[in-house]
Amino acid sequence: MSLSSLARSRAGRFARGGFGGSSKVIQDAEGYPPVGVERVWMEELSEETGCVDSISFFSRDVALGDIVEFVVDDGERWYKRTIKRFGNALFRAVYYPSADVAALRSSLKGLGCETELDEAHTLVSISVPPNCVTAVQAFLAEAEGSGEVGYE
């Protein structure tokens, strides 16, 4: 399976034997983000490497499709470094009560993105292919201007 098809075929991760790996999240002085560790799904490539198979909400170290190295500590896989970037950008949008989240995600899908939803933190995590970054930034800036979302 090619790297691009692997990154695009997230629905089959359990059938392919995907596994979770953890990444430490750096929090600011105010305690944001609200987690210190985030778990992401990976497709195992070797005993020490994997292809990121999910979209991170808080970790800034990895994006969908990246090839990463990890270390195993007490049975847990921990992010060590990114070996090769797939090229996807990672954006996050916090949505406000006025936002139609389903429409937001549908519009982003129409722009070529994949998204994950974290309702507990009113957050949409967005995987943006390299050829879509400008269009997605413009779309999110417009949504921000209308008071529906904030984004980074």
Protein backbone atom coordinates (compact mmCIF):
# COMPACT_ATOMS: atom_id res chain seq x y z
CA MET A 1 0.00 0.00 0.00
CA SER A 2 1.42 3.41 -0.92
CA LEU A 3 1.90 6.10 1.69
CA SER A 4 -0.77 8.29 0.09
CA SER A 5 -3.37 5.53 0.06
CA LEU A 6 -2.47 4.62 3.63
CA ALA A 7 -2.98 8.18 4.79
CA ARG A 8 -6.30 8.42 2.94
CA SER A 9 -7.66 5.07 4.10
CA ARG A 10 -8.16 5.78 7.78
CA ALA A 11 -11.46 3.93 7.99
CA GLY A 12 -9.67 0.60 7.70
CA ARG A 13 -7.09 1.20 10.43
CA PHE A 14 -8.44 -1.50 12.74
CA ALA A 15 -8.51 -4.09 9.95
CA ARG A 16 -4.87 -3.23 9.13
CA GLY A 17 -3.76 -3.59 12.74
CA GLY A 18 -3.36 0.08 13.62
CA PHE A 19 -2.19 1.05 17.10
CA GLY A 20 -2.12 4.09 19.30
CA GLY A 21 0.95 6.07 20.17
CA SER A 22 1.25 8.94 22.60
CA SER A 23 2.74 12.38 22.23
CA LYS A 24 3.46 14.81 25.05
CA VAL A 25 1.66 18.11 24.59
CA ILE A 26 3.32 21.33 25.68
CA GLN A 27 0.95 23.49 27.70
CA ASP A 28 1.20 27.25 28.03
CA ALA A 29 1.32 29.15 31.35
CA GLU A 30 -2.49 29.11 31.51
CA GLY A 31 -2.68 25.33 31.12
CA TYR A 32 -3.77 25.23 27.47
CA PRO A 33 -4.25 22.89 25.83
CA PRO A 34 -6.28 21.08 28.49
CA VAL A 35 -4.32 17.82 28.10
CA GLY A 36 -0.69 16.91 28.75
CA VAL A 37 -0.65 13.83 26.51
CA GLU A 38 -2.48 13.02 23.30
CA ARG A 39 -2.89 9.61 21.73
CA VAL A 40 -2.86 9.31 17.94
CA TRP A 41 -3.47 6.28 15.74
CA MET A 42 -0.65 4.92 13.62
CA GLU A 43 -0.13 2.18 11.09
CA GLU A 44 2.93 0.19 12.11
CA LEU A 45 5.72 0.26 9.51
CA SER A 46 8.44 -1.35 11.64
CA GLU A 47 9.14 -2.06 15.29
CA GLU A 48 10.10 1.60 15.79
CA THR A 49 8.21 3.52 13.08
CA GLY A 50 4.64 4.24 12.09
CA CYS A 51 2.51 6.32 9.75
CA VAL A 52 0.18 8.74 11.56
CA ASP A 53 -3.36 7.60 10.80
CA SER A 54 -5.46 10.15 12.69
CA ILE A 55 -5.74 13.91 13.05
CA SER A 56 -4.29 15.36 16.23
CA PHE A 57 -6.28 17.84 18.30
CA PHE A 58 -3.53 19.23 20.51
CA SER A 59 -0.14 17.81 19.57
CA ARG A 60 1.79 20.00 17.16
CA ASP A 61 4.42 17.36 16.42
CA VAL A 62 2.58 15.28 13.81
CA ALA A 63 0.08 15.52 10.97
CA LEU A 64 -1.91 12.92 9.09
CA GLY A 65 0.37 10.75 6.94
CA ASP A 66 3.65 11.68 8.64
CA ILE A 67 6.18 8.91 9.22
CA VAL A 68 7.31 8.96 12.84
CA GLU A 69 9.75 7.18 15.08
CA PHE A 70 8.64 6.14 18.53
CA VAL A 71 10.15 4.55 21.61
CA VAL A 72 8.44 1.99 23.79
CA ASP A 73 8.43 2.70 27.51
CA ASP A 74 6.62 0.31 29.84
CA GLY A 75 4.54 -1.02 26.95
CA GLU A 76 3.47 2.43 25.72
CA ARG A 77 4.63 3.87 22.39
CA TRP A 78 5.87 7.47 22.71
CA TYR A 79 6.58 9.90 19.89
CA LYS A 80 10.31 10.46 19.43
CA ARG A 81 10.62 12.39 16.16
CA THR A 82 9.15 12.90 12.73
CA ILE A 83 11.15 11.07 10.08
CA LYS A 84 9.25 12.31 7.02
CA ARG A 85 6.47 14.86 6.65
CA PHE A 86 3.63 13.82 4.37
CA GLY A 87 2.89 17.48 3.64
CA ASN A 88 -0.48 17.99 5.30
CA ALA A 89 -0.97 21.08 7.42
CA LEU A 90 -2.84 20.85 10.72
CA PHE A 91 -5.38 23.53 11.59
CA ARG A 92 -7.69 23.72 14.57
CA ALA A 93 -10.99 25.56 14.71
CA VAL A 94 -12.86 26.21 17.93
CA TYR A 95 -16.53 26.62 17.13
CA TYR A 96 -19.00 28.88 18.89
CA PRO A 97 -22.69 28.22 19.66
CA SER A 98 -23.79 30.00 16.47
CA ALA A 99 -21.77 27.64 14.27
CA ASP A 100 -23.32 24.88 12.19
CA VAL A 101 -20.58 22.31 12.83
CA ALA A 102 -21.91 19.80 10.30
CA ALA A 103 -21.92 22.48 7.59
CA LEU A 104 -18.43 23.63 8.64
CA ARG A 105 -17.05 20.10 8.33
CA SER A 106 -18.88 19.54 5.04
CA SER A 107 -17.41 22.74 3.59
CA LEU A 108 -13.93 21.72 4.70
CA LYS A 109 -14.41 18.30 3.12
CA GLY A 110 -15.42 20.06 -0.09
CA LEU A 111 -12.11 21.92 0.04
CA GLY A 112 -10.23 18.60 0.20
CA CYS A 113 -9.76 18.36 3.97
CA GLU A 114 -10.37 15.64 6.52
CA THR A 115 -11.65 16.58 9.96
CA GLU A 116 -12.09 15.16 13.45
CA LEU A 117 -14.58 16.50 15.99
CA ASP A 118 -13.97 16.95 19.73
CA GLU A 119 -17.33 18.06 21.11
CA ALA A 120 -16.04 18.24 24.69
CA HIS A 121 -13.66 21.04 23.71
CA THR A 122 -15.83 22.46 20.86
CA LEU A 123 -12.94 21.81 18.52
CA VAL A 124 -12.59 20.68 14.92
CA SER A 125 -9.16 19.39 13.95
CA ILE A 126 -8.45 19.81 10.24
CA SER A 127 -5.95 17.97 8.04
CA VAL A 128 -5.23 20.24 5.07
CA PRO A 129 -3.49 18.93 1.94
CA PRO A 130 -0.64 21.17 0.75
CA ASN A 131 -2.50 22.36 -2.35
CA CYS A 132 -5.50 23.52 -0.27
CA VAL A 133 -3.89 25.66 2.44
CA THR A 134 -4.67 29.06 0.92
CA ALA A 135 -8.32 28.20 0.20
CA VAL A 136 -8.82 26.76 3.69
CA GLN A 137 -7.23 29.80 5.35
CA ALA A 138 -9.56 32.07 3.37
CA PHE A 139 -12.59 29.96 4.28
CA LEU A 140 -11.70 29.91 7.98
CA ALA A 141 -10.95 33.66 8.01
CA GLU A 142 -14.43 34.29 6.59
CA ALA A 143 -16.01 31.96 9.18
CA GLU A 144 -14.04 33.70 11.91
CA GLY A 145 -15.22 37.08 10.66
CA SER A 146 -18.84 35.94 10.93
CA GLY A 147 -18.30 34.90 14.56
CA GLU A 148 -18.74 31.15 13.96
CA VAL A 149 -15.19 29.97 14.70
CA GLY A 150 -11.73 30.93 15.80
CA TYR A 151 -8.83 29.08 14.25
CA GLU A 152 -5.11 28.44 14.33
